Amino acid sequence: KGQPLFKIDDVQYRAAVNQAIASV
């Protein structure tokens, strides 16, 4: 349980996090 199985390209989601941090 909790073991990583797959990785999905996270570039756009990492950018969305940075944008959300800036908005806060």
PDB file of all heavy atoms in Angstrom:
ATOM      1  N   LYS A   1       0.835  -1.195   0.000  1.00  0.00           N
ATOM      2  CA  LYS A   1       0.000   0.000   0.000  1.00  0.00           C
ATOM      3  C   LYS A   1       0.872   1.248   0.000  1.00  0.00           C
ATOM      4  O   LYS A   1       1.810   1.365   0.789  1.00  0.00           O
ATOM      5  CB  LYS A   1      -0.908  -0.002   1.235  1.00  0.00           C
ATOM      6  CG  LYS A   1      -1.864   1.181   1.299  1.00  0.00           C
ATOM      7  CD  LYS A   1      -2.775   1.076   2.500  1.00  0.00           C
ATOM      8  CE  LYS A   1      -3.742   2.255   2.544  1.00  0.00           C
ATOM      9  NZ  LYS A   1      -4.664   2.175   3.702  1.00  0.00           N
ATOM     10  N   GLY A   2       0.556   2.184  -0.919  1.00  0.00           N
ATOM     11  CA  GLY A   2       1.297   3.432  -1.022  1.00  0.00           C
ATOM     12  C   GLY A   2       2.515   3.365  -1.922  1.00  0.00           C
ATOM     13  O   GLY A   2       3.157   4.401  -2.166  1.00  0.00           O
ATOM     14  N   GLN A   3       2.838   2.202  -2.442  1.00  0.00           N
ATOM     15  CA  GLN A   3       4.017   2.064  -3.304  1.00  0.00           C
ATOM     16  C   GLN A   3       3.739   2.718  -4.660  1.00  0.00           C
ATOM     17  O   GLN A   3       2.709   2.490  -5.273  1.00  0.00           O
ATOM     18  CB  GLN A   3       4.359   0.588  -3.495  1.00  0.00           C
ATOM     19  CG  GLN A   3       5.572   0.347  -4.378  1.00  0.00           C
ATOM     20  CD  GLN A   3       5.916  -1.132  -4.472  1.00  0.00           C
ATOM     21  OE1 GLN A   3       5.593  -1.916  -3.576  1.00  0.00           O
ATOM     22  NE2 GLN A   3       6.584  -1.518  -5.544  1.00  0.00           N
ATOM     23  N   PRO A   4       4.691   3.543  -5.182  1.00  0.00           N
ATOM     24  CA  PRO A   4       4.497   4.173  -6.496  1.00  0.00           C
ATOM     25  C   PRO A   4       4.441   3.133  -7.610  1.00  0.00           C
ATOM     26  O   PRO A   4       5.229   2.181  -7.632  1.00  0.00           O
ATOM     27  CB  PRO A   4       5.715   5.081  -6.643  1.00  0.00           C
ATOM     28  CG  PRO A   4       6.197   5.304  -5.254  1.00  0.00           C
ATOM     29  CD  PRO A   4       5.902   4.050  -4.513  1.00  0.00           C
ATOM     30  N   LEU A   5       3.506   3.337  -8.518  1.00  0.00           N
ATOM     31  CA  LEU A   5       3.332   2.422  -9.646  1.00  0.00           C
ATOM     32  C   LEU A   5       3.656   3.081 -10.986  1.00  0.00           C
ATOM     33  O   LEU A   5       4.302   2.469 -11.845  1.00  0.00           O
ATOM     34  CB  LEU A   5       1.892   1.896  -9.681  1.00  0.00           C
ATOM     35  CG  LEU A   5       1.347   1.234  -8.411  1.00  0.00           C
ATOM     36  CD1 LEU A   5      -0.112   0.835  -8.611  1.00  0.00           C
ATOM     37  CD2 LEU A   5       2.186   0.028  -8.029  1.00  0.00           C
ATOM     38  N   PHE A   6       3.195   4.311 -11.175  1.00  0.00           N
ATOM     39  CA  PHE A   6       3.367   5.020 -12.444  1.00  0.00           C
ATOM     40  C   PHE A   6       3.708   6.482 -12.173  1.00  0.00           C
ATOM     41  O   PHE A   6       3.346   7.032 -11.134  1.00  0.00           O
ATOM     42  CB  PHE A   6       2.081   4.967 -13.290  1.00  0.00           C
ATOM     43  CG  PHE A   6       1.587   3.575 -13.555  1.00  0.00           C
ATOM     44  CD1 PHE A   6       0.635   2.991 -12.727  1.00  0.00           C
ATOM     45  CD2 PHE A   6       2.049   2.844 -14.633  1.00  0.00           C
ATOM     46  CE1 PHE A   6       0.168   1.708 -12.963  1.00  0.00           C
ATOM     47  CE2 PHE A   6       1.589   1.563 -14.870  1.00  0.00           C
ATOM     48  CZ  PHE A   6       0.649   1.002 -14.037  1.00  0.00           C
ATOM     49  N   LYS A   7       4.373   7.099 -13.157  1.00  0.00           N
ATOM     50  CA  LYS A   7       4.659   8.533 -13.126  1.00  0.00           C
ATOM     51  C   LYS A   7       4.042   9.166 -14.361  1.00  0.00           C
ATOM     52  O   LYS A   7       4.235   8.684 -15.483  1.00  0.00           O
ATOM     53  CB  LYS A   7       6.164   8.788 -13.125  1.00  0.00           C
ATOM     54  CG  LYS A   7       6.834   8.569 -11.780  1.00  0.00           C
ATOM     55  CD  LYS A   7       6.747   9.811 -10.921  1.00  0.00           C
ATOM     56  CE  LYS A   7       7.664   9.694  -9.705  1.00  0.00           C
ATOM     57  NZ  LYS A   7       7.597  10.894  -8.871  1.00  0.00           N
ATOM     58  N   ILE A   8       3.301  10.258 -14.143  1.00  0.00           N
ATOM     59  CA  ILE A   8       2.697  11.024 -15.237  1.00  0.00           C
ATOM     60  C   ILE A   8       3.439  12.357 -15.334  1.00  0.00           C
ATOM     61  O   ILE A   8       3.844  12.937 -14.322  1.00  0.00           O
ATOM     62  CB  ILE A   8       1.194  11.244 -14.980  1.00  0.00           C
ATOM     63  CG1 ILE A   8       0.471   9.891 -14.953  1.00  0.00           C
ATOM     64  CG2 ILE A   8       0.574  12.161 -16.019  1.00  0.00           C
ATOM     65  CD1 ILE A   8      -0.999   9.979 -14.573  1.00  0.00           C
ATOM     66  N   ASP A   9       3.621  12.834 -16.558  1.00  0.00           N
ATOM     67  CA  ASP A   9       4.324  14.108 -16.791  1.00  0.00           C
ATOM     68  C   ASP A   9       3.712  15.202 -15.909  1.00  0.00           C
ATOM     69  O   ASP A   9       2.512  15.484 -15.993  1.00  0.00           O
ATOM     70  CB  ASP A   9       4.199  14.489 -18.264  1.00  0.00           C
ATOM     71  CG  ASP A   9       4.974  15.751 -18.592  1.00  0.00           C
ATOM     72  OD1 ASP A   9       5.855  16.123 -17.799  1.00  0.00           O
ATOM     73  OD2 ASP A   9       4.686  16.362 -19.635  1.00  0.00           O
ATOM     74  N   ASP A  10       4.546  15.839 -15.054  1.00  0.00           N
ATOM     75  CA  ASP A  10       4.023  16.779 -14.054  1.00  0.00           C
ATOM     76  C   ASP A  10       4.397  18.235 -14.313  1.00  0.00           C
ATOM     77  O   ASP A  10       4.200  19.087 -13.432  1.00  0.00           O
ATOM     78  CB  ASP A  10       4.521  16.371 -12.662  1.00  0.00           C
ATOM     79  CG  ASP A  10       6.035  16.455 -12.541  1.00  0.00           C
ATOM     80  OD1 ASP A  10       6.704  16.773 -13.537  1.00  0.00           O
ATOM     81  OD2 ASP A  10       6.544  16.184 -11.442  1.00  0.00           O
ATOM     82  N   VAL A  11       4.920  18.549 -15.492  1.00  0.00           N
ATOM     83  CA  VAL A  11       5.394  19.914 -15.759  1.00  0.00           C
ATOM     84  C   VAL A  11       4.271  20.926 -15.589  1.00  0.00           C
ATOM     85  O   VAL A  11       4.411  21.935 -14.871  1.00  0.00           O
ATOM     86  CB  VAL A  11       5.997  20.002 -17.176  1.00  0.00           C
ATOM     87  CG1 VAL A  11       6.341  21.466 -17.511  1.00  0.00           C
ATOM     88  CG2 VAL A  11       7.240  19.139 -17.274  1.00  0.00           C
ATOM     89  N   GLN A  12       3.141  20.690 -16.245  1.00  0.00           N
ATOM     90  CA  GLN A  12       2.040  21.654 -16.164  1.00  0.00           C
ATOM     91  C   GLN A  12       1.460  21.735 -14.754  1.00  0.00           C
ATOM     92  O   GLN A  12       1.023  22.807 -14.313  1.00  0.00           O
ATOM     93  CB  GLN A  12       0.954  21.285 -17.164  1.00  0.00           C
ATOM     94  CG  GLN A  12       0.338  19.901 -16.946  1.00  0.00           C
ATOM     95  CD  GLN A  12      -0.785  19.602 -17.904  1.00  0.00           C
ATOM     96  OE1 GLN A  12      -1.526  20.501 -18.329  1.00  0.00           O
ATOM     97  NE2 GLN A  12      -0.943  18.328 -18.266  1.00  0.00           N
ATOM     98  N   TYR A  13       1.477  20.637 -14.020  1.00  0.00           N
ATOM     99  CA  TYR A  13       0.907  20.624 -12.668  1.00  0.00           C
ATOM    100  C   TYR A  13       1.857  21.298 -11.679  1.00  0.00           C
ATOM    101  O   TYR A  13       1.402  21.949 -10.731  1.00  0.00           O
ATOM    102  CB  TYR A  13       0.604  19.188 -12.251  1.00  0.00           C
ATOM    103  CG  TYR A  13      -0.402  18.542 -13.168  1.00  0.00           C
ATOM    104  CD1 TYR A  13       0.000  17.609 -14.116  1.00  0.00           C
ATOM    105  CD2 TYR A  13      -1.753  18.877 -13.106  1.00  0.00           C
ATOM    106  CE1 TYR A  13      -0.918  17.014 -14.981  1.00  0.00           C
ATOM    107  CE2 TYR A  13      -2.675  18.290 -13.961  1.00  0.00           C
ATOM    108  CZ  TYR A  13      -2.252  17.370 -14.903  1.00  0.00           C
ATOM    109  OH  TYR A  13      -3.154  16.804 -15.758  1.00  0.00           O
ATOM    110  N   ARG A  14       3.141  21.177 -11.922  1.00  0.00           N
ATOM    111  CA  ARG A  14       4.103  21.902 -11.076  1.00  0.00           C
ATOM    112  C   ARG A  14       3.981  23.408 -11.305  1.00  0.00           C
ATOM    113  O   ARG A  14       4.041  24.208 -10.362  1.00  0.00           O
ATOM    114  CB  ARG A  14       5.524  21.420 -11.384  1.00  0.00           C
ATOM    115  CG  ARG A  14       6.542  21.762 -10.302  1.00  0.00           C
ATOM    116  CD  ARG A  14       7.874  21.100 -10.587  1.00  0.00           C
ATOM    117  NE  ARG A  14       7.755  19.646 -10.552  1.00  0.00           N
ATOM    118  CZ  ARG A  14       7.750  18.947  -9.440  1.00  0.00           C
ATOM    119  NH1 ARG A  14       7.841  19.558  -8.263  1.00  0.00           N
ATOM    120  NH2 ARG A  14       7.659  17.634  -9.480  1.00  0.00           N
ATOM    121  N   ALA A  15       3.773  23.790 -12.568  1.00  0.00           N
ATOM    122  CA  ALA A  15       3.579  25.213 -12.885  1.00  0.00           C
ATOM    123  C   ALA A  15       2.292  25.733 -12.245  1.00  0.00           C
ATOM    124  O   ALA A  15       2.243  26.875 -11.752  1.00  0.00           O
ATOM    125  CB  ALA A  15       3.543  25.405 -14.397  1.00  0.00           C
ATOM    126  N   ALA A  16       1.252  24.896 -12.238  1.00  0.00           N
ATOM    127  CA  ALA A  16      -0.012  25.308 -11.628  1.00  0.00           C
ATOM    128  C   ALA A  16       0.155  25.524 -10.130  1.00  0.00           C
ATOM    129  O   ALA A  16      -0.450  26.439  -9.550  1.00  0.00           O
ATOM    130  CB  ALA A  16      -1.081  24.261 -11.904  1.00  0.00           C
ATOM    131  N   VAL A  17       0.996  24.718  -9.480  1.00  0.00           N
ATOM    132  CA  VAL A  17       1.258  24.898  -8.050  1.00  0.00           C
ATOM    133  C   VAL A  17       1.971  26.225  -7.811  1.00  0.00           C
ATOM    134  O   VAL A  17       1.603  27.004  -6.900  1.00  0.00           O
ATOM    135  CB  VAL A  17       2.099  23.727  -7.507  1.00  0.00           C
ATOM    136  CG1 VAL A  17       2.605  24.051  -6.090  1.00  0.00           C
ATOM    137  CG2 VAL A  17       1.277  22.452  -7.488  1.00  0.00           C
ATOM    138  N   ASN A  18       2.971  26.525  -8.626  1.00  0.00           N
ATOM    139  CA  ASN A  18       3.705  27.799  -8.471  1.00  0.00           C
ATOM    140  C   ASN A  18       2.775  28.989  -8.682  1.00  0.00           C
ATOM    141  O   ASN A  18       2.860  30.001  -7.971  1.00  0.00           O
ATOM    142  CB  ASN A  18       4.871  27.854  -9.451  1.00  0.00           C
ATOM    143  CG  ASN A  18       5.942  26.825  -9.120  1.00  0.00           C
ATOM    144  OD1 ASN A  18       6.083  26.409  -7.965  1.00  0.00           O
ATOM    145  ND2 ASN A  18       6.703  26.389 -10.116  1.00  0.00           N
ATOM    146  N   GLN A  19       1.891  28.878  -9.665  1.00  0.00           N
ATOM    147  CA  GLN A  19       0.940  29.953  -9.925  1.00  0.00           C
ATOM    148  C   GLN A  19      -0.015  30.123  -8.748  1.00  0.00           C
ATOM    149  O   GLN A  19      -0.338  31.263  -8.355  1.00  0.00           O
ATOM    150  CB  GLN A  19       0.174  29.663 -11.212  1.00  0.00           C
ATOM    151  CG  GLN A  19      -0.802  30.779 -11.612  1.00  0.00           C
ATOM    152  CD  GLN A  19      -1.508  30.468 -12.922  1.00  0.00           C
ATOM    153  OE1 GLN A  19      -1.266  29.426 -13.520  1.00  0.00           O
ATOM    154  NE2 GLN A  19      -2.369  31.375 -13.352  1.00  0.00           N
ATOM    155  N   ALA A  20      -0.460  29.015  -8.185  1.00  0.00           N
ATOM    156  CA  ALA A  20      -1.381  29.092  -7.045  1.00  0.00           C
ATOM    157  C   ALA A  20      -0.687  29.689  -5.826  1.00  0.00           C
ATOM    158  O   ALA A  20      -1.303  30.451  -5.066  1.00  0.00           O
ATOM    159  CB  ALA A  20      -1.913  27.701  -6.718  1.00  0.00           C
ATOM    160  N   ILE A  21       0.591  29.368  -5.631  1.00  0.00           N
ATOM    161  CA  ILE A  21       1.352  29.954  -4.519  1.00  0.00           C
ATOM    162  C   ILE A  21       1.449  31.464  -4.689  1.00  0.00           C
ATOM    163  O   ILE A  21       1.271  32.238  -3.723  1.00  0.00           O
ATOM    164  CB  ILE A  21       2.752  29.323  -4.438  1.00  0.00           C
ATOM    165  CG1 ILE A  21       2.644  27.856  -3.991  1.00  0.00           C
ATOM    166  CG2 ILE A  21       3.636  30.091  -3.469  1.00  0.00           C
ATOM    167  CD1 ILE A  21       3.954  27.104  -4.028  1.00  0.00           C
ATOM    168  N   ALA A  22       1.701  31.893  -5.937  1.00  0.00           N
ATOM    169  CA  ALA A  22       1.799  33.331  -6.200  1.00  0.00           C
ATOM    170  C   ALA A  22       0.475  34.037  -5.925  1.00  0.00           C
ATOM    171  O   ALA A  22       0.448  35.145  -5.340  1.00  0.00           O
ATOM    172  CB  ALA A  22       2.238  33.567  -7.644  1.00  0.00           C
ATOM    173  N   SER A  23      -0.614  33.419  -6.306  1.00  0.00           N
ATOM    174  CA  SER A  23      -1.927  34.027  -6.073  1.00  0.00           C
ATOM    175  C   SER A  23      -2.196  34.172  -4.575  1.00  0.00           C
ATOM    176  O   SER A  23      -2.739  35.197  -4.123  1.00  0.00           O
ATOM    177  CB  SER A  23      -3.019  33.156  -6.720  1.00  0.00           C
ATOM    178  OG  SER A  23      -2.859  33.096  -8.113  1.00  0.00           O
ATOM    179  N   VAL A  24      -1.808  33.168  -3.801  1.00  0.00           N
ATOM    180  CA  VAL A  24      -1.989  33.242  -2.350  1.00  0.00           C
ATOM    181  C   VAL A  24      -1.165  34.389  -1.777  1.00  0.00           C
ATOM    182  O   VAL A  24      -1.656  35.171  -0.919  1.00  0.00           O
ATOM    183  CB  VAL A  24      -1.593  31.908  -1.695  1.00  0.00           C
ATOM    184  CG1 VAL A  24      -1.520  32.058  -0.175  1.00  0.00           C
ATOM    185  CG2 VAL A  24      -2.597  30.819  -2.056  1.00  0.00           C
TER     186      VAL A  24
END
